[in-house]
Each structure stands twice: as C-alpha cells, then as structure tokens.
C-alpha cells in the first residue's frame, strides 16, 4: 500500500498513454465511474479489515469459565445484513456502470457531429473524412465538437484506443462499431491498437491531434487541395517524383494527381505528417530512407517490400516524399 500511494503521487508528465488525465467527455465519464467503483471497493475493504481485527483481538478470547454452547443454528439479522449489504453495493456499482455504457454509446450521432470513417489495417490506420479528405495514422479533429468514429476492419480484429480521449473499442471484420466523444483540450494524444493482431501489433500506433476550429479548418482545406507542387528549383525532389512514378510505389500508394494506389496509406501530404510507419518513427529524411531500405527491420511482417534503390535514387525519392506538404 505504501508503494501504491507513493506511485500515485508522481507527476503524469511524460506519460501520454495514461488513462488518469481525461481530455474528453467520454474519458471523464470513465474516470468518474472508476473513482466511484474504487470508493465502494475501499468501503468493502475497510469493513472486512475492521471485522477481521475485531474477530482477532476482541472476540477471540474469553475470561473465566467457558460458556455453554449456543443452541441457535442461525442468526436471521446477521444473514439479512450479509445479504442486503452486498446487494446494495452491487447496485451502487451497477447503476452508474450501465448508465455510463448507454450514455457513451448513443444510437445516433449527436447534432453537428463530425463523422469520420476509421479503417484498421495490418498494421496502420486509415482516416476518411466526409468531405473527401483522407489521411493515415494521424487523426485531426476540432476541439469541443462531437466526434463520431465509424470503426471498420480491412482484415482481422483490432482495437482502437486513445487513453486520454476514451475507452477501447474493438474493430471487427464485417461489423461497424462507433465511438462518440467530445475532445475538450487541444493537444496531441497518442493511440494504439489494443488487440493483438499479428507480428507488428505493438507497431500499430497513431496520433490524434485536437485542433482549434480555425486550425482544423485550415488543415482540412490543405488536405483537399492536393500536394504543394514541387518547386522547379528543387531538382532532387523533381528527380524523386520521376523515381516514384516509375516505381512499384504507385501500385500501393495514392498521391493526388500522380497515382491511384489504395493498398497502403495515402501519401498526398506525407511530408506534413509528424511520423511514419504508423507512428513508429519520426518523420525525418533519415528515417524515411531507413524505412524504404528495409521496412521489415522496423515493422516485422509489413506488406511493404524493400525497394533496393541505389543511393542517388533513394535520396531523390526521400526528397520528393518530404516535399509533399
């Protein structure tokens, strides 16, 4: 207990996957329920400890002659107390639990909700917006607006989880599950697949960016506008565009106006993302080159093959991808 109390007093800085720092209405409801259940559990613990101490130190010895054995076979009052007590405690736990379940899973989306389609793949996340914007592994949402996520799987069972924004929700093939919440604090909140889904399950990460309404509107316009044209002065990126167009990348990846691939993440605005490989690496030229050279080393089982490009073509391709803002 001393260790638990000591740890509980530690700062939550540097622990972005904590569930004890709610940043949405859904996460706050879950935390409130957690606290309620914990308090009732603590009450049960206190009663049991007190009864144990009394039995051990107060009622365990007798002074004088032993009393004759009792002829009573039961104590009705005690039996009623031991029956009603647990029933009342279960009710105090069950009622708020059921209420939270129904409150957090509305049958229809709230008025004005932004409805986003989420597709889970081995091992990355696809986010499709109703206006046609599409991104991979980085979800942008506006603050203080209802969000309705429609969760689908392209292959096997996954689980969508952003600890600071809400509870886990399974993503099941052939079934659509919904997750509804209102993010209340701007910021970046990491997420993770929470259902074992193969070799790179631990590498199936993503980031949720809660933006101000203006920042979100700006981001959305940029996503719809297509990639920024490669400057004529950037010969290396221009050469990389030719490398991309002539490579197998076009089969799997889409870039607006360039390729129509649909198997892997959309790369239209790849250079504007903060991470790659589903949140495993920071988006830097060095990491992009490392990923292209040997995806299996970073993400075992990934469907992306090693391109085996010579150094000059690899550098050009990296420059082109990083220019896609």
Protein backbone atom coordinates (compact mmCIF):
# COMPACT_ATOMS: atom_id res chain seq x y z
CA UNK A 1 0.00 0.00 0.00
CA UNK A 2 2.87 2.39 0.75
CA UNK A 3 4.37 1.75 -2.70
CA UNK A 4 0.98 2.30 -4.38
CA UNK A 5 0.46 5.59 -2.54
CA UNK A 6 3.96 6.76 -3.43
CA UNK A 7 3.45 5.99 -7.13
CA UNK A 8 0.04 7.69 -7.08
CA UNK A 9 1.73 10.91 -6.03
CA UNK A 10 4.03 11.00 -9.06
CA UNK A 11 3.55 13.56 -11.81
CA UNK A 12 1.82 12.40 -15.00
CA UNK A 13 4.28 14.41 -17.16
CA UNK A 14 5.92 12.22 -19.77
CA UNK A 15 3.20 9.56 -19.60
CA UNK A 16 0.95 10.38 -22.58
CA UNK A 17 -0.76 6.96 -22.54
CA UNK A 18 -2.20 7.48 -19.06
CA UNK A 19 -5.92 6.94 -18.54
CA UNK A 20 -5.92 9.20 -15.47
CA UNK A 21 -5.75 12.50 -17.36
CA UNK A 22 -9.06 12.69 -19.26
CA UNK A 23 -9.21 15.15 -22.17
CA UNK A 24 -12.74 14.38 -23.41
CA UNK A 25 -16.23 13.94 -22.02
CA UNK A 26 -16.06 10.18 -22.60
CA UNK A 27 -12.75 9.83 -20.78
CA UNK A 28 -14.11 11.94 -17.91
CA UNK A 29 -17.19 9.70 -17.58
CA UNK A 30 -14.96 6.63 -17.45
CA UNK A 31 -12.72 8.20 -14.81
CA UNK A 32 -15.72 9.21 -12.70
CA UNK A 33 -17.01 5.65 -12.86
CA UNK A 34 -13.57 4.32 -11.95
CA UNK A 35 -13.43 6.58 -8.89
CA UNK A 36 -16.97 5.58 -7.80
CA UNK A 37 -16.21 1.87 -8.06
CA UNK A 38 -12.88 2.32 -6.29
CA UNK A 39 -14.55 4.12 -3.38
CA UNK A 40 -17.11 1.35 -2.95
CA UNK A 41 -14.33 -1.25 -3.13
CA UNK A 42 -12.43 0.71 -0.48
CA UNK A 43 -15.53 0.65 1.74
CA UNK A 44 -15.77 -3.14 1.40
CA UNK A 45 -12.07 -3.44 2.21
CA UNK A 46 -12.47 -1.25 5.30
CA UNK A 47 -15.41 -3.32 6.57
CA UNK A 48 -13.53 -6.58 6.04
CA UNK A 49 -10.39 -5.26 7.77
CA UNK A 50 -12.36 -3.93 10.75
CA UNK A 51 -14.26 -7.22 11.10
CA UNK A 52 -11.00 -9.16 10.90
CA UNK A 53 -9.31 -7.02 13.56
CA UNK A 54 -12.33 -7.31 15.90
CA UNK A 55 -12.52 -11.06 15.42
CA UNK A 56 -8.81 -11.46 16.04
CA UNK A 57 -8.26 -9.17 19.02
CA UNK A 58 -11.68 -8.61 20.64
CA UNK A 59 -13.82 -11.71 20.21
CA UNK A 60 -11.12 -14.37 20.02
CA UNK A 61 -10.65 -14.82 23.83
CA UNK A 62 -12.95 -15.25 26.84
CA UNK A 63 -12.32 -14.56 30.51
CA UNK A 64 -13.49 -17.05 33.14
CA UNK A 65 -15.43 -20.24 32.66
CA UNK A 66 -16.37 -21.32 29.20
CA UNK A 67 -19.98 -20.52 28.36
CA UNK A 68 -22.32 -23.35 27.40
CA UNK A 69 -22.52 -23.95 23.67
CA UNK A 70 -25.19 -21.96 21.83
CA UNK A 71 -28.25 -23.78 20.64
CA UNK A 72 -29.00 -21.22 17.91
CA UNK A 73 -28.50 -22.62 14.43
CA UNK A 74 -28.56 -19.23 12.69
CA UNK A 75 -28.86 -15.51 13.22
CA UNK A 76 -31.58 -14.05 11.00
CA UNK A 77 -30.49 -10.46 11.48
CA UNK A 78 -26.90 -11.25 10.56
CA UNK A 79 -27.97 -13.22 7.48
CA UNK A 80 -30.15 -10.33 6.31
CA UNK A 81 -27.31 -7.87 6.83
CA UNK A 82 -24.81 -10.02 4.92
CA UNK A 83 -27.33 -10.38 2.06
CA UNK A 84 -28.55 -6.78 1.79
CA UNK A 85 -25.09 -5.26 2.19
CA UNK A 86 -23.53 -6.84 -0.93
CA UNK A 87 -26.77 -6.29 -2.89
CA UNK A 88 -26.73 -2.56 -2.12
CA UNK A 89 -23.05 -2.28 -3.01
CA UNK A 90 -23.59 -4.12 -6.31
CA UNK A 91 -26.48 -1.77 -7.10
CA UNK A 92 -24.34 1.29 -6.38
CA UNK A 93 -21.74 -0.09 -8.81
CA UNK A 94 -24.08 -1.49 -11.47
CA UNK A 95 -26.36 1.53 -11.88
CA UNK A 96 -23.65 4.08 -12.78
CA UNK A 97 -21.87 1.47 -14.91
CA UNK A 98 -24.96 0.76 -17.01
CA UNK A 99 -25.75 4.48 -17.19
CA UNK A 100 -22.23 5.22 -18.47
CA UNK A 101 -22.45 2.44 -21.06
CA UNK A 102 -25.66 3.82 -22.57
CA UNK A 103 -24.51 7.42 -22.24
CA UNK A 104 -21.26 6.71 -24.08
CA UNK A 105 -22.86 4.71 -26.91
CA UNK A 106 -25.67 6.80 -28.40
CA UNK A 107 -27.66 5.09 -31.15
CA UNK A 108 -27.35 8.13 -33.44
CA UNK A 109 -24.64 10.73 -33.83
CA UNK A 110 -25.13 13.96 -31.85
CA UNK A 111 -26.26 17.04 -33.74
CA UNK A 112 -23.39 18.71 -35.57
CA UNK A 113 -21.05 15.75 -35.09
CA UNK A 114 -18.07 15.26 -37.39
CA UNK A 115 -18.40 11.70 -38.65
CA UNK A 116 -15.12 10.04 -39.64
CA UNK A 117 -14.61 6.57 -41.08
CA UNK A 118 -11.74 4.68 -39.47
CA UNK A 119 -10.36 1.59 -41.22
CA UNK A 120 -7.86 -0.62 -39.39
CA UNK A 121 -5.26 -2.49 -41.45
CA UNK A 122 -2.32 -4.71 -40.57
CA UNK A 123 -0.61 -2.53 -39.30
CA UNK A 124 -1.77 1.02 -39.86
CA UNK A 125 -4.85 3.24 -39.55
CA UNK A 126 -6.79 4.98 -42.31
CA UNK A 127 -8.99 8.02 -41.60
CA UNK A 128 -11.60 9.11 -44.18
CA UNK A 129 -13.45 12.41 -43.71
CA UNK A 130 -16.93 13.09 -45.08
CA UNK A 131 -15.68 15.88 -47.39
CA UNK A 132 -13.18 13.57 -49.08
CA UNK A 133 -10.06 14.30 -47.05
CA UNK A 134 -8.04 11.21 -46.25
CA UNK A 135 -5.01 10.58 -44.07
CA UNK A 136 -3.10 7.75 -42.49
CA UNK A 137 -2.07 7.24 -38.86
CA UNK A 138 -2.71 10.88 -37.89
CA UNK A 139 -6.27 11.84 -36.97
CA UNK A 140 -7.15 15.54 -36.80
CA UNK A 141 -10.34 16.63 -35.02
CA UNK A 142 -11.68 20.00 -33.81
CA UNK A 143 -11.92 20.76 -30.11
CA UNK A 144 -15.34 20.99 -28.39
CA UNK A 145 -17.21 19.40 -31.31
CA UNK A 146 -18.88 15.98 -31.17
CA UNK A 147 -16.86 13.34 -33.00
CA UNK A 148 -18.40 10.13 -34.31
CA UNK A 149 -15.91 7.49 -35.41
CA UNK A 150 -17.18 4.64 -37.57
CA UNK A 151 -14.74 1.79 -36.96
CA UNK A 152 -14.16 -0.90 -39.59
CA UNK A 153 -11.50 -3.55 -40.19
CA UNK A 154 -9.93 -4.44 -43.51
CA UNK A 155 -8.57 -7.77 -42.29
CA UNK A 156 -8.70 -9.09 -38.69
CA UNK A 157 -9.80 -7.89 -35.25
CA UNK A 158 -8.12 -4.71 -33.99
CA UNK A 159 -8.97 -2.32 -31.16
CA UNK A 160 -8.99 1.48 -31.30
CA UNK A 161 -7.66 3.15 -28.15
CA UNK A 162 -6.65 6.71 -27.31
CA UNK A 163 -6.25 6.53 -23.49
CA UNK A 164 -6.78 10.23 -22.78
CA UNK A 165 -9.82 10.52 -25.06
CA UNK A 166 -11.82 7.39 -24.25
CA UNK A 167 -12.05 3.67 -23.72
CA UNK A 168 -11.09 0.90 -26.09
CA UNK A 169 -13.44 -0.03 -28.91
CA UNK A 170 -12.98 -3.25 -30.87
CA UNK A 171 -12.71 -3.08 -34.66
CA UNK A 172 -14.23 -6.26 -36.04
CA UNK A 173 -14.31 -7.51 -39.67
CA UNK A 174 -17.78 -7.33 -41.18
CA UNK A 175 -19.10 -5.12 -38.39
CA UNK A 176 -19.20 -1.35 -37.82
CA UNK A 177 -18.66 -0.11 -34.26
CA UNK A 178 -18.99 3.52 -33.27
CA UNK A 179 -17.07 5.69 -30.83
CA UNK A 180 -18.56 9.06 -29.87
CA UNK A 181 -16.86 11.75 -27.79
CA UNK A 182 -16.10 15.46 -27.48
CA UNK A 183 -12.42 16.36 -27.05
CA UNK A 184 -12.15 19.25 -24.59
CA UNK A 185 -8.43 20.12 -24.53
CA UNK A 186 -6.31 20.86 -27.63
CA UNK A 187 -3.15 18.81 -27.99
CA UNK A 188 -1.65 15.63 -29.40
CA UNK A 189 -2.79 12.32 -27.92
CA UNK A 190 -1.12 9.04 -28.93
CA UNK A 191 -3.21 5.98 -29.65
CA UNK A 192 -2.55 2.29 -30.04
CA UNK A 193 -4.16 -0.89 -31.32
CA UNK A 194 -5.16 -2.69 -28.13
CA UNK A 195 -5.99 -6.11 -29.60
CA UNK A 196 -3.20 -8.50 -30.61
CA UNK A 197 -3.27 -8.56 -34.40
CA UNK A 198 -0.03 -10.14 -35.53
CA UNK A 199 3.73 -9.62 -35.58
CA UNK A 200 3.66 -5.83 -35.59
CA UNK A 201 0.72 -5.33 -33.27
CA UNK A 202 2.87 -3.17 -30.98
CA UNK A 203 3.86 -1.07 -34.00
CA UNK A 204 0.27 -0.20 -34.95
CA UNK A 205 0.20 3.25 -33.45
CA UNK A 206 -1.37 6.56 -34.40
CA UNK A 207 -1.71 10.15 -33.22
CA UNK A 208 -4.83 12.18 -32.58
CA UNK A 209 -4.46 15.94 -32.95
CA UNK A 210 -7.16 18.00 -31.25
CA UNK A 211 -7.03 21.34 -33.07
CA UNK A 212 -8.73 24.66 -32.58
CA UNK A 213 -11.64 25.16 -35.03
CA UNK A 214 -9.54 27.51 -37.18
CA UNK A 215 -6.52 25.21 -37.25
CA UNK A 216 -8.69 22.23 -38.12
CA UNK A 217 -10.42 24.13 -40.94
CA UNK A 218 -7.01 25.15 -42.31
CA UNK A 219 -5.71 21.58 -42.10
CA UNK A 220 -8.84 20.25 -43.85
CA UNK A 221 -8.51 22.76 -46.71
CA UNK A 222 -4.89 21.76 -47.21
CA UNK A 223 -5.82 18.07 -47.33
CA UNK A 224 -8.41 18.72 -50.02
CA UNK A 225 -6.15 20.98 -52.08
CA UNK A 226 -3.68 18.28 -53.03
CA UNK A 227 0.08 18.34 -52.58
CA UNK A 228 2.09 21.53 -52.96
CA UNK A 229 3.80 21.45 -56.37
CA UNK A 230 7.49 20.61 -56.27
CA UNK A 231 9.50 23.83 -56.71
CA UNK A 232 11.30 23.99 -60.05
CA UNK A 233 14.46 24.89 -58.18
CA UNK A 234 14.40 21.63 -56.19
CA UNK A 235 15.96 19.33 -58.78
CA UNK A 236 16.47 16.50 -56.29
CA UNK A 237 12.74 16.37 -55.41
CA UNK A 238 11.85 16.63 -59.12
CA UNK A 239 14.06 13.64 -59.83
CA UNK A 240 12.38 11.85 -56.93
CA UNK A 241 8.96 12.43 -58.50
CA UNK A 242 10.17 10.52 -61.56
CA UNK A 243 11.56 7.74 -59.36
CA UNK A 244 8.19 7.43 -57.62
CA UNK A 245 6.23 7.42 -60.90
CA UNK A 246 8.42 4.62 -62.28
CA UNK A 247 8.45 2.51 -59.10
CA UNK A 248 6.06 -0.10 -57.63
CA UNK A 249 5.03 2.58 -55.08
CA UNK A 250 2.26 3.74 -57.41
CA UNK A 251 0.54 0.35 -57.12
CA UNK A 252 0.01 0.67 -53.37
CA UNK A 253 0.11 4.37 -52.53
CA UNK A 254 -2.08 7.23 -53.72
CA UNK A 255 -0.81 10.73 -54.40
CA UNK A 256 -3.46 13.06 -55.80
CA UNK A 257 -2.81 13.69 -59.47
CA UNK A 258 0.05 11.18 -59.58
CA UNK A 259 -1.07 7.66 -58.62
CA UNK A 260 -4.23 5.84 -57.59
CA UNK A 261 -2.86 3.15 -55.28
CA UNK A 262 -5.17 2.09 -52.48
CA UNK A 263 -3.38 -0.70 -50.57
CA UNK A 264 -1.12 1.42 -48.37
CA UNK A 265 -1.53 4.83 -46.74
CA UNK A 266 -2.33 7.89 -48.86
CA UNK A 267 0.94 9.83 -49.36
CA UNK A 268 -0.56 13.03 -50.79
CA UNK A 269 0.55 15.05 -47.75
CA UNK A 270 3.19 12.71 -46.41
CA UNK A 271 5.73 15.48 -45.81
CA UNK A 272 3.31 17.27 -43.50
CA UNK A 273 2.94 14.34 -41.11
CA UNK A 274 4.93 14.06 -37.91
CA UNK A 275 5.55 10.32 -38.05
CA UNK A 276 5.78 7.40 -40.47
CA UNK A 277 5.38 3.62 -40.28
CA UNK A 278 2.20 4.05 -38.19
CA UNK A 279 3.76 6.24 -35.56
CA UNK A 280 6.89 4.13 -35.06
CA UNK A 281 9.40 6.68 -36.43
CA UNK A 282 9.60 10.46 -36.50
CA UNK A 283 9.20 11.84 -39.99
CA UNK A 284 12.79 12.79 -40.85
CA UNK A 285 14.68 12.21 -44.11
CA UNK A 286 16.97 9.74 -42.36
CA UNK A 287 14.06 7.69 -41.04
CA UNK A 288 12.23 7.78 -44.37
CA UNK A 289 15.33 6.40 -46.08
CA UNK A 290 15.70 3.74 -43.40
CA UNK A 291 12.05 2.72 -43.85
CA UNK A 292 12.28 2.50 -47.64
CA UNK A 293 15.50 0.48 -47.49
CA UNK A 294 14.26 -2.19 -45.08
CA UNK A 295 10.65 -1.98 -43.81
CA UNK A 296 10.84 -5.46 -42.27
CA UNK A 297 13.58 -4.42 -39.89
CA UNK A 298 11.37 -1.68 -38.44
CA UNK A 299 7.99 -3.40 -38.73
CA UNK A 300 8.20 -7.22 -39.00
CA UNK A 301 5.54 -8.62 -41.30
CA UNK A 302 4.82 -5.31 -43.03
CA UNK A 303 3.38 -5.68 -46.53
CA UNK A 304 5.74 -3.06 -47.95
CA UNK A 305 8.73 -4.66 -49.73
CA UNK A 306 12.27 -3.29 -49.72
CA UNK A 307 12.73 -1.23 -52.91
CA UNK A 308 16.50 -1.81 -53.16
CA UNK A 309 17.11 1.60 -54.74
CA UNK A 310 20.65 2.84 -55.34
CA UNK A 311 21.76 5.75 -53.18
CA UNK A 312 21.09 8.58 -55.64
CA UNK A 313 17.56 7.39 -56.45
CA UNK A 314 16.81 6.74 -52.76
CA UNK A 315 17.88 10.26 -51.81
CA UNK A 316 15.80 11.73 -54.61
CA UNK A 317 12.72 9.72 -53.61
CA UNK A 318 13.09 10.78 -49.97
CA UNK A 319 13.38 14.44 -51.03
CA UNK A 320 10.22 14.12 -53.12
CA UNK A 321 8.19 12.47 -50.37
CA UNK A 322 9.30 15.06 -47.82
CA UNK A 323 8.22 17.82 -50.21
CA UNK A 324 4.60 16.58 -50.21
CA UNK A 325 3.12 19.10 -47.78
